[in-house]
Amino acid sequence: MGELEIIQEGRLRIKFHSDGTVVPDVVPLNECCDMCNDPRMVHVEGLLKCVGCGVINRIDYGHHA
């Protein structure tokens, strides 16, 4: 089996573990959308995209300042 993670719009994250434990958590703001603070982020074609507003977040160009 594995783990399941459900993230709600209000930053509540619930993790279901394979051993039957359920862990509620709050998504930190640095993991939320830069534009609208929605915590529901998905990876689409190598980019991190917000489910709420559709903005692309945190593009890694492979170099560091």
N, C-alpha and C. Protein backbone atom coordinates (compact mmCIF):
# COMPACT_ATOMS: atom_id res chain seq x y z
N MET A 1 0.84 -1.17 0.00
CA MET A 1 0.00 0.00 0.00
C MET A 1 0.89 1.24 0.00
N GLY A 2 0.40 2.35 0.37
CA GLY A 2 1.18 3.58 0.37
C GLY A 2 0.54 4.63 1.24
N GLU A 3 0.74 5.87 0.86
CA GLU A 3 0.18 6.98 1.61
C GLU A 3 -0.73 7.80 0.70
N LEU A 4 -1.68 8.47 1.32
CA LEU A 4 -2.59 9.36 0.61
C LEU A 4 -2.56 10.69 1.32
N GLU A 5 -2.50 11.77 0.55
CA GLU A 5 -2.47 13.11 1.12
C GLU A 5 -3.59 13.93 0.50
N ILE A 6 -4.42 14.50 1.33
CA ILE A 6 -5.51 15.35 0.87
C ILE A 6 -5.23 16.77 1.37
N ILE A 7 -5.26 17.74 0.45
CA ILE A 7 -5.02 19.13 0.82
C ILE A 7 -6.27 19.92 0.48
N GLN A 8 -6.81 20.63 1.48
CA GLN A 8 -7.98 21.47 1.27
C GLN A 8 -7.55 22.90 1.01
N GLU A 9 -8.42 23.70 0.43
CA GLU A 9 -8.14 25.08 0.08
C GLU A 9 -7.70 25.92 1.27
N GLY A 10 -8.19 25.63 2.45
CA GLY A 10 -7.87 26.42 3.64
C GLY A 10 -6.57 26.03 4.31
N ARG A 11 -5.63 25.35 3.60
CA ARG A 11 -4.30 24.95 4.05
C ARG A 11 -4.31 23.75 4.98
N LEU A 12 -5.44 23.06 5.15
CA LEU A 12 -5.47 21.85 5.96
C LEU A 12 -5.00 20.67 5.11
N ARG A 13 -4.00 19.94 5.61
CA ARG A 13 -3.48 18.76 4.92
C ARG A 13 -3.70 17.56 5.83
N ILE A 14 -4.27 16.51 5.26
CA ILE A 14 -4.52 15.29 6.03
C ILE A 14 -3.76 14.16 5.34
N LYS A 15 -2.90 13.47 6.09
CA LYS A 15 -2.11 12.36 5.55
C LYS A 15 -2.63 11.05 6.11
N PHE A 16 -2.94 10.12 5.22
CA PHE A 16 -3.37 8.78 5.58
C PHE A 16 -2.20 7.84 5.32
N HIS A 17 -1.70 7.18 6.35
CA HIS A 17 -0.57 6.28 6.22
C HIS A 17 -1.05 4.84 6.08
N SER A 18 -0.20 3.99 5.51
CA SER A 18 -0.57 2.60 5.25
C SER A 18 -0.80 1.80 6.53
N ASP A 19 -0.27 2.28 7.65
CA ASP A 19 -0.48 1.56 8.92
C ASP A 19 -1.81 1.95 9.59
N GLY A 20 -2.60 2.80 8.93
CA GLY A 20 -3.91 3.18 9.46
C GLY A 20 -3.94 4.50 10.21
N THR A 21 -2.78 5.13 10.42
CA THR A 21 -2.77 6.41 11.14
C THR A 21 -3.17 7.55 10.21
N VAL A 22 -3.82 8.54 10.80
CA VAL A 22 -4.25 9.73 10.09
C VAL A 22 -3.62 10.92 10.78
N VAL A 23 -2.88 11.75 10.01
CA VAL A 23 -2.17 12.87 10.60
C VAL A 23 -2.66 14.18 9.98
N PRO A 24 -3.36 15.03 10.76
CA PRO A 24 -3.74 16.35 10.26
C PRO A 24 -2.55 17.29 10.38
N ASP A 25 -2.46 18.25 9.45
CA ASP A 25 -1.33 19.16 9.40
C ASP A 25 -1.79 20.45 8.73
N VAL A 26 -1.01 21.51 8.84
CA VAL A 26 -1.28 22.76 8.14
C VAL A 26 -0.14 22.98 7.15
N VAL A 27 -0.48 23.29 5.91
CA VAL A 27 0.52 23.52 4.87
C VAL A 27 1.18 24.87 5.15
N PRO A 28 2.52 24.92 5.26
CA PRO A 28 3.20 26.20 5.48
C PRO A 28 3.05 27.12 4.27
N LEU A 29 3.08 28.42 4.50
CA LEU A 29 2.88 29.38 3.41
C LEU A 29 3.94 29.28 2.32
N ASN A 30 5.16 28.83 2.65
CA ASN A 30 6.19 28.74 1.62
C ASN A 30 5.93 27.59 0.65
N GLU A 31 4.95 26.74 0.93
CA GLU A 31 4.55 25.67 0.00
C GLU A 31 3.27 26.03 -0.74
N CYS A 32 2.76 27.23 -0.53
CA CYS A 32 1.52 27.68 -1.17
C CYS A 32 1.82 28.51 -2.41
N CYS A 33 0.79 28.80 -3.19
CA CYS A 33 0.91 29.59 -4.40
C CYS A 33 1.44 30.99 -4.09
N ASP A 34 2.38 31.46 -4.92
CA ASP A 34 2.94 32.80 -4.73
C ASP A 34 1.91 33.89 -4.98
N MET A 35 0.90 33.61 -5.79
CA MET A 35 -0.09 34.62 -6.16
C MET A 35 -1.29 34.64 -5.22
N CYS A 36 -1.88 33.47 -4.93
CA CYS A 36 -3.15 33.45 -4.20
C CYS A 36 -3.10 32.71 -2.85
N ASN A 37 -1.92 32.15 -2.48
CA ASN A 37 -1.74 31.41 -1.22
C ASN A 37 -2.54 30.12 -1.13
N ASP A 38 -2.99 29.60 -2.26
CA ASP A 38 -3.70 28.32 -2.27
C ASP A 38 -2.67 27.20 -2.10
N PRO A 39 -2.87 26.26 -1.20
CA PRO A 39 -1.88 25.20 -0.98
C PRO A 39 -1.95 24.05 -1.98
N ARG A 40 -2.94 24.05 -2.86
CA ARG A 40 -3.11 22.94 -3.79
C ARG A 40 -2.25 23.15 -5.03
N MET A 41 -1.04 22.57 -5.02
CA MET A 41 -0.09 22.71 -6.11
C MET A 41 0.10 21.36 -6.79
N VAL A 42 0.20 21.37 -8.12
CA VAL A 42 0.42 20.13 -8.88
C VAL A 42 1.59 20.34 -9.84
N HIS A 43 2.25 19.25 -10.20
CA HIS A 43 3.33 19.28 -11.19
C HIS A 43 2.72 18.98 -12.56
N VAL A 44 2.88 19.92 -13.49
CA VAL A 44 2.36 19.77 -14.85
C VAL A 44 3.52 20.01 -15.82
N GLU A 45 3.92 18.98 -16.54
CA GLU A 45 5.00 19.05 -17.51
C GLU A 45 6.25 19.70 -16.93
N GLY A 46 6.61 19.31 -15.72
CA GLY A 46 7.83 19.81 -15.08
C GLY A 46 7.69 21.15 -14.39
N LEU A 47 6.52 21.75 -14.41
CA LEU A 47 6.29 23.04 -13.76
C LEU A 47 5.35 22.85 -12.57
N LEU A 48 5.50 23.69 -11.57
CA LEU A 48 4.63 23.66 -10.40
C LEU A 48 3.49 24.65 -10.64
N LYS A 49 2.26 24.14 -10.72
CA LYS A 49 1.11 24.96 -11.09
C LYS A 49 0.07 24.95 -9.98
N CYS A 50 -0.54 26.10 -9.73
CA CYS A 50 -1.58 26.25 -8.72
C CYS A 50 -2.91 25.73 -9.26
N VAL A 51 -3.58 24.92 -8.48
CA VAL A 51 -4.89 24.40 -8.86
C VAL A 51 -5.95 25.50 -8.77
N GLY A 52 -5.79 26.41 -7.81
CA GLY A 52 -6.78 27.45 -7.59
C GLY A 52 -6.83 28.51 -8.67
N CYS A 53 -5.66 29.11 -9.01
CA CYS A 53 -5.67 30.23 -9.96
C CYS A 53 -4.93 29.93 -11.26
N GLY A 54 -4.20 28.81 -11.33
CA GLY A 54 -3.53 28.42 -12.56
C GLY A 54 -2.17 29.04 -12.79
N VAL A 55 -1.66 29.82 -11.84
CA VAL A 55 -0.36 30.47 -11.99
C VAL A 55 0.76 29.45 -11.86
N ILE A 56 1.81 29.60 -12.68
CA ILE A 56 2.99 28.75 -12.58
C ILE A 56 3.90 29.32 -11.50
N ASN A 57 4.36 28.48 -10.59
CA ASN A 57 5.15 28.90 -9.44
C ASN A 57 6.54 28.26 -9.46
N ARG A 58 7.50 28.96 -8.89
CA ARG A 58 8.84 28.45 -8.61
C ARG A 58 9.49 27.68 -9.76
N ILE A 59 9.81 28.35 -10.81
CA ILE A 59 10.48 27.73 -11.94
C ILE A 59 11.97 27.63 -11.62
N ASP A 60 12.52 26.41 -11.71
CA ASP A 60 13.94 26.19 -11.45
C ASP A 60 14.67 26.17 -12.79
N TYR A 61 15.46 27.20 -13.05
CA TYR A 61 16.19 27.30 -14.31
C TYR A 61 17.55 26.61 -14.24
N GLY A 62 17.88 25.97 -13.10
CA GLY A 62 19.11 25.22 -12.99
C GLY A 62 20.32 26.01 -12.58
N HIS A 63 20.17 27.28 -12.29
CA HIS A 63 21.30 28.07 -11.79
C HIS A 63 20.89 28.79 -10.51
N HIS A 64 21.84 29.08 -9.69
CA HIS A 64 21.56 29.71 -8.40
C HIS A 64 22.31 31.04 -8.33
N ALA A 65 21.67 32.03 -7.74
CA ALA A 65 22.27 33.36 -7.63
C ALA A 65 23.23 33.44 -6.47
